[in-house]
Amino acid sequence: MKCKEIQSKYIPFIDDELSISELEEFLKHLRSCKNCREEYDIYYTMIMGMRYLESDSGKGEFNIDPEQKLKSAEDYLIKYRILYAEKVLIFIIICIGIIILI
C-alpha cells in the first residue's frame, strides 16, 4: 500500500473495521514507514481524545496509547493465523481419516 491508502485507513483501523488482508498490509506499512507511523500516532491520539471529550468523560474504558492499539492488532493477527492453521490441520486429518476408512 502507498502512504495515501494507509492514511485513508486510520479511522477504519481505529474502529476495527479492516479486513485481515487490509490489516496485515496496514501494519506492515506502519512498521516500515516512519512518516505514516508518526502521523498515525498523532491521528490516533487526536481521534481518541475527541471521542473521550464527546463521551461522558471518565465513564468507561479509555485508551489513548497508539502503540497499544498496534500491539493489540498484531496479537490479533497472530491468533488469527494460529486458528487458521489449526482449521487447515483438522481438515487434513479428517481427509486422511476418510481416505483410511474407504
N, C-alpha and C. Protein backbone atom coordinates (compact mmCIF):
# COMPACT_ATOMS: atom_id res chain seq x y z
N MET A 1 0.83 -1.18 0.00
CA MET A 1 0.00 0.00 0.00
C MET A 1 0.87 1.24 0.00
N LYS A 2 0.34 2.26 -0.59
CA LYS A 2 1.04 3.54 -0.61
C LYS A 2 0.57 4.38 0.57
N CYS A 3 1.33 5.41 0.86
CA CYS A 3 1.04 6.25 2.03
C CYS A 3 -0.38 6.81 2.00
N LYS A 4 -0.85 7.27 0.85
CA LYS A 4 -2.21 7.83 0.75
C LYS A 4 -3.26 6.79 1.12
N GLU A 5 -3.07 5.55 0.68
CA GLU A 5 -4.02 4.48 1.01
C GLU A 5 -4.00 4.20 2.50
N ILE A 6 -2.81 4.18 3.08
CA ILE A 6 -2.68 3.93 4.52
C ILE A 6 -3.38 5.02 5.31
N GLN A 7 -3.18 6.26 4.92
CA GLN A 7 -3.79 7.38 5.62
C GLN A 7 -5.31 7.30 5.60
N SER A 8 -5.87 6.76 4.53
CA SER A 8 -7.33 6.64 4.44
C SER A 8 -7.85 5.50 5.33
N LYS A 9 -6.95 4.69 5.87
CA LYS A 9 -7.36 3.54 6.69
C LYS A 9 -7.20 3.79 8.19
N TYR A 10 -6.77 4.99 8.59
CA TYR A 10 -6.59 5.26 10.01
C TYR A 10 -7.89 5.04 10.81
N ILE A 11 -8.98 5.66 10.39
CA ILE A 11 -10.23 5.52 11.14
C ILE A 11 -10.77 4.10 11.08
N PRO A 12 -10.81 3.45 9.89
CA PRO A 12 -11.25 2.05 9.89
C PRO A 12 -10.39 1.17 10.80
N PHE A 13 -9.08 1.45 10.89
CA PHE A 13 -8.22 0.69 11.79
C PHE A 13 -8.61 0.94 13.25
N ILE A 14 -8.77 2.19 13.59
CA ILE A 14 -9.12 2.56 14.97
C ILE A 14 -10.45 1.92 15.37
N ASP A 15 -11.38 1.84 14.41
CA ASP A 15 -12.70 1.27 14.68
C ASP A 15 -12.77 -0.23 14.43
N ASP A 16 -11.63 -0.88 14.21
CA ASP A 16 -11.55 -2.33 13.97
C ASP A 16 -12.42 -2.77 12.79
N GLU A 17 -12.35 -2.04 11.70
CA GLU A 17 -13.16 -2.34 10.53
C GLU A 17 -12.36 -2.83 9.33
N LEU A 18 -11.07 -3.06 9.49
CA LEU A 18 -10.26 -3.55 8.37
C LEU A 18 -10.37 -5.06 8.24
N SER A 19 -10.35 -5.53 7.00
CA SER A 19 -10.30 -6.98 6.78
C SER A 19 -8.92 -7.48 7.20
N ILE A 20 -8.78 -8.79 7.27
CA ILE A 20 -7.49 -9.37 7.67
C ILE A 20 -6.38 -8.94 6.72
N SER A 21 -6.64 -9.01 5.42
CA SER A 21 -5.60 -8.64 4.45
C SER A 21 -5.26 -7.15 4.54
N GLU A 22 -6.28 -6.31 4.72
CA GLU A 22 -6.03 -4.88 4.88
C GLU A 22 -5.23 -4.61 6.15
N LEU A 23 -5.59 -5.30 7.22
CA LEU A 23 -4.90 -5.13 8.49
C LEU A 23 -3.42 -5.53 8.37
N GLU A 24 -3.16 -6.64 7.71
CA GLU A 24 -1.78 -7.08 7.51
C GLU A 24 -0.97 -6.04 6.74
N GLU A 25 -1.54 -5.53 5.65
CA GLU A 25 -0.85 -4.52 4.85
C GLU A 25 -0.66 -3.22 5.63
N PHE A 26 -1.67 -2.83 6.38
CA PHE A 26 -1.62 -1.61 7.17
C PHE A 26 -0.49 -1.68 8.19
N LEU A 27 -0.44 -2.77 8.95
CA LEU A 27 0.60 -2.92 9.98
C LEU A 27 1.98 -3.03 9.36
N LYS A 28 2.09 -3.75 8.26
CA LYS A 28 3.38 -3.89 7.57
C LYS A 28 3.89 -2.52 7.12
N HIS A 29 3.00 -1.71 6.57
CA HIS A 29 3.41 -0.38 6.11
C HIS A 29 3.83 0.50 7.28
N LEU A 30 3.05 0.47 8.36
CA LEU A 30 3.41 1.31 9.51
C LEU A 30 4.75 0.90 10.12
N ARG A 31 5.08 -0.39 10.04
CA ARG A 31 6.39 -0.84 10.56
C ARG A 31 7.54 -0.29 9.72
N SER A 32 7.29 -0.06 8.43
CA SER A 32 8.38 0.32 7.53
C SER A 32 8.40 1.80 7.16
N CYS A 33 7.32 2.52 7.42
CA CYS A 33 7.25 3.93 7.01
C CYS A 33 7.16 4.83 8.25
N LYS A 34 8.25 5.49 8.54
CA LYS A 34 8.33 6.34 9.73
C LYS A 34 7.32 7.49 9.67
N ASN A 35 7.15 8.08 8.50
CA ASN A 35 6.23 9.22 8.37
C ASN A 35 4.79 8.82 8.66
N CYS A 36 4.35 7.70 8.08
CA CYS A 36 2.97 7.24 8.33
C CYS A 36 2.79 6.84 9.79
N ARG A 37 3.83 6.25 10.37
CA ARG A 37 3.74 5.85 11.77
C ARG A 37 3.58 7.06 12.68
N GLU A 38 4.37 8.10 12.43
CA GLU A 38 4.26 9.31 13.25
C GLU A 38 2.90 9.98 13.05
N GLU A 39 2.43 10.00 11.80
CA GLU A 39 1.12 10.59 11.52
C GLU A 39 0.00 9.78 12.18
N TYR A 40 0.13 8.45 12.13
CA TYR A 40 -0.86 7.60 12.79
C TYR A 40 -0.91 7.89 14.29
N ASP A 41 0.27 7.98 14.93
CA ASP A 41 0.32 8.25 16.37
C ASP A 41 -0.43 9.54 16.72
N ILE A 42 -0.20 10.58 15.94
CA ILE A 42 -0.86 11.87 16.17
C ILE A 42 -2.35 11.74 15.92
N TYR A 43 -2.71 11.12 14.81
CA TYR A 43 -4.11 10.97 14.42
C TYR A 43 -4.88 10.16 15.46
N TYR A 44 -4.29 9.05 15.89
CA TYR A 44 -4.94 8.19 16.89
C TYR A 44 -5.19 8.95 18.19
N THR A 45 -4.17 9.65 18.65
CA THR A 45 -4.28 10.40 19.90
C THR A 45 -5.36 11.47 19.78
N MET A 46 -5.39 12.16 18.63
CA MET A 46 -6.37 13.22 18.41
C MET A 46 -7.79 12.63 18.36
N ILE A 47 -7.99 11.57 17.59
CA ILE A 47 -9.32 10.97 17.45
C ILE A 47 -9.82 10.43 18.79
N MET A 48 -8.96 9.71 19.49
CA MET A 48 -9.38 9.13 20.77
C MET A 48 -9.62 10.23 21.81
N GLY A 49 -8.84 11.29 21.76
CA GLY A 49 -9.07 12.42 22.67
C GLY A 49 -10.41 13.08 22.41
N MET A 50 -10.74 13.26 21.12
CA MET A 50 -12.03 13.87 20.77
C MET A 50 -13.18 12.96 21.20
N ARG A 51 -13.02 11.65 21.00
CA ARG A 51 -14.07 10.71 21.40
C ARG A 51 -14.25 10.72 22.92
N TYR A 52 -13.14 10.86 23.63
CA TYR A 52 -13.22 10.92 25.09
C TYR A 52 -13.99 12.15 25.53
N LEU A 53 -13.69 13.28 24.91
CA LEU A 53 -14.37 14.53 25.28
C LEU A 53 -15.85 14.49 24.93
N GLU A 54 -16.21 13.80 23.83
CA GLU A 54 -17.60 13.70 23.42
C GLU A 54 -18.40 12.75 24.31
N SER A 55 -17.70 11.80 24.93
CA SER A 55 -18.39 10.84 25.79
C SER A 55 -18.62 11.45 27.17
N ASP A 56 -19.23 10.69 28.03
CA ASP A 56 -19.36 11.12 29.41
C ASP A 56 -18.00 10.96 30.07
N SER A 57 -17.21 11.98 30.02
CA SER A 57 -15.82 11.94 30.48
C SER A 57 -15.66 11.16 31.76
N GLY A 58 -14.73 10.22 31.71
CA GLY A 58 -14.42 9.44 32.88
C GLY A 58 -15.21 8.15 33.01
N LYS A 59 -16.22 7.97 32.19
CA LYS A 59 -17.02 6.74 32.27
C LYS A 59 -16.52 5.76 31.22
N GLY A 60 -16.33 4.54 31.61
CA GLY A 60 -15.89 3.52 30.67
C GLY A 60 -14.39 3.51 30.50
N GLU A 61 -13.94 2.60 29.66
CA GLU A 61 -12.51 2.43 29.42
C GLU A 61 -12.06 3.40 28.33
N PHE A 62 -10.89 3.99 28.53
CA PHE A 62 -10.35 4.93 27.55
C PHE A 62 -8.88 4.62 27.34
N ASN A 63 -8.52 4.34 26.10
CA ASN A 63 -7.13 4.03 25.77
C ASN A 63 -6.64 5.03 24.74
N ILE A 64 -5.67 5.83 25.12
CA ILE A 64 -5.13 6.84 24.22
C ILE A 64 -3.71 6.49 23.77
N ASP A 65 -3.30 5.24 23.97
CA ASP A 65 -1.95 4.79 23.62
C ASP A 65 -1.95 4.16 22.23
N PRO A 66 -1.44 4.87 21.20
CA PRO A 66 -1.45 4.33 19.84
C PRO A 66 -0.60 3.06 19.72
N GLU A 67 0.45 2.95 20.50
CA GLU A 67 1.30 1.76 20.46
C GLU A 67 0.54 0.53 20.94
N GLN A 68 -0.28 0.70 21.97
CA GLN A 68 -1.06 -0.42 22.49
C GLN A 68 -2.07 -0.91 21.45
N LYS A 69 -2.66 0.01 20.71
CA LYS A 69 -3.62 -0.37 19.66
C LYS A 69 -2.92 -1.19 18.58
N LEU A 70 -1.72 -0.78 18.17
CA LEU A 70 -0.95 -1.53 17.17
C LEU A 70 -0.56 -2.91 17.69
N LYS A 71 -0.14 -2.97 18.94
CA LYS A 71 0.26 -4.24 19.54
C LYS A 71 -0.94 -5.19 19.61
N SER A 72 -2.08 -4.65 19.99
CA SER A 72 -3.29 -5.44 20.06
C SER A 72 -3.67 -6.00 18.69
N ALA A 73 -3.52 -5.19 17.65
CA ALA A 73 -3.83 -5.64 16.29
C ALA A 73 -2.85 -6.72 15.84
N GLU A 74 -1.58 -6.57 16.17
CA GLU A 74 -0.59 -7.59 15.82
C GLU A 74 -0.87 -8.91 16.56
N ASP A 75 -1.26 -8.81 17.82
CA ASP A 75 -1.63 -10.01 18.59
C ASP A 75 -2.84 -10.70 17.96
N TYR A 76 -3.80 -9.91 17.51
CA TYR A 76 -4.99 -10.45 16.86
C TYR A 76 -4.60 -11.22 15.59
N LEU A 77 -3.69 -10.66 14.80
CA LEU A 77 -3.26 -11.34 13.58
C LEU A 77 -2.56 -12.66 13.88
N ILE A 78 -1.75 -12.68 14.92
CA ILE A 78 -1.07 -13.92 15.31
C ILE A 78 -2.10 -14.98 15.70
N LYS A 79 -3.07 -14.60 16.50
CA LYS A 79 -4.12 -15.55 16.91
C LYS A 79 -4.94 -16.02 15.71
N TYR A 80 -5.22 -15.10 14.78
CA TYR A 80 -5.95 -15.46 13.57
C TYR A 80 -5.20 -16.50 12.75
N ARG A 81 -3.90 -16.27 12.58
CA ARG A 81 -3.08 -17.22 11.81
C ARG A 81 -3.02 -18.59 12.48
N ILE A 82 -2.91 -18.61 13.80
CA ILE A 82 -2.88 -19.88 14.53
C ILE A 82 -4.20 -20.62 14.36
N LEU A 83 -5.31 -19.93 14.51
CA LEU A 83 -6.62 -20.57 14.34
C LEU A 83 -6.81 -21.07 12.91
N TYR A 84 -6.34 -20.30 11.94
CA TYR A 84 -6.44 -20.72 10.54
C TYR A 84 -5.62 -21.99 10.31
N ALA A 85 -4.40 -22.02 10.85
CA ALA A 85 -3.55 -23.21 10.71
C ALA A 85 -4.20 -24.41 11.38
N GLU A 86 -4.82 -24.21 12.54
CA GLU A 86 -5.50 -25.31 13.23
C GLU A 86 -6.66 -25.84 12.39
N LYS A 87 -7.41 -24.96 11.78
CA LYS A 87 -8.53 -25.39 10.93
C LYS A 87 -8.03 -26.21 9.74
N VAL A 88 -6.96 -25.75 9.11
CA VAL A 88 -6.39 -26.48 7.98
C VAL A 88 -5.90 -27.85 8.43
N LEU A 89 -5.23 -27.91 9.56
CA LEU A 89 -4.71 -29.17 10.08
C LEU A 89 -5.85 -30.15 10.39
N ILE A 90 -6.90 -29.66 11.01
CA ILE A 90 -8.05 -30.51 11.31
C ILE A 90 -8.69 -31.03 10.02
N PHE A 91 -8.80 -30.17 9.02
CA PHE A 91 -9.36 -30.58 7.74
C PHE A 91 -8.51 -31.68 7.11
N ILE A 92 -7.19 -31.52 7.16
CA ILE A 92 -6.28 -32.53 6.60
C ILE A 92 -6.43 -33.86 7.35
N ILE A 93 -6.50 -33.79 8.67
CA ILE A 93 -6.65 -35.01 9.47
C ILE A 93 -7.97 -35.71 9.14
N ILE A 94 -9.03 -34.95 9.00
CA ILE A 94 -10.33 -35.54 8.64
C ILE A 94 -10.25 -36.19 7.26
N CYS A 95 -9.63 -35.52 6.32
CA CYS A 95 -9.50 -36.09 4.97
C CYS A 95 -8.70 -37.39 5.00
N ILE A 96 -7.59 -37.41 5.74
CA ILE A 96 -6.78 -38.64 5.86
C ILE A 96 -7.61 -39.74 6.51
N GLY A 97 -8.38 -39.41 7.55
CA GLY A 97 -9.24 -40.38 8.21
C GLY A 97 -10.27 -40.96 7.25
N ILE A 98 -10.86 -40.12 6.45
CA ILE A 98 -11.85 -40.61 5.47
C ILE A 98 -11.21 -41.54 4.44
N ILE A 99 -10.01 -41.15 3.98
CA ILE A 99 -9.30 -41.98 3.00
C ILE A 99 -8.96 -43.35 3.60
N ILE A 100 -8.54 -43.36 4.85
CA ILE A 100 -8.19 -44.62 5.50
C ILE A 100 -9.43 -45.50 5.67
N LEU A 101 -10.56 -44.89 5.99
CA LEU A 101 -11.79 -45.65 6.17
C LEU A 101 -12.33 -46.23 4.86
N ILE A 102 -12.02 -45.60 3.79
CA ILE A 102 -12.52 -46.06 2.48
C ILE A 102 -11.67 -47.17 1.98
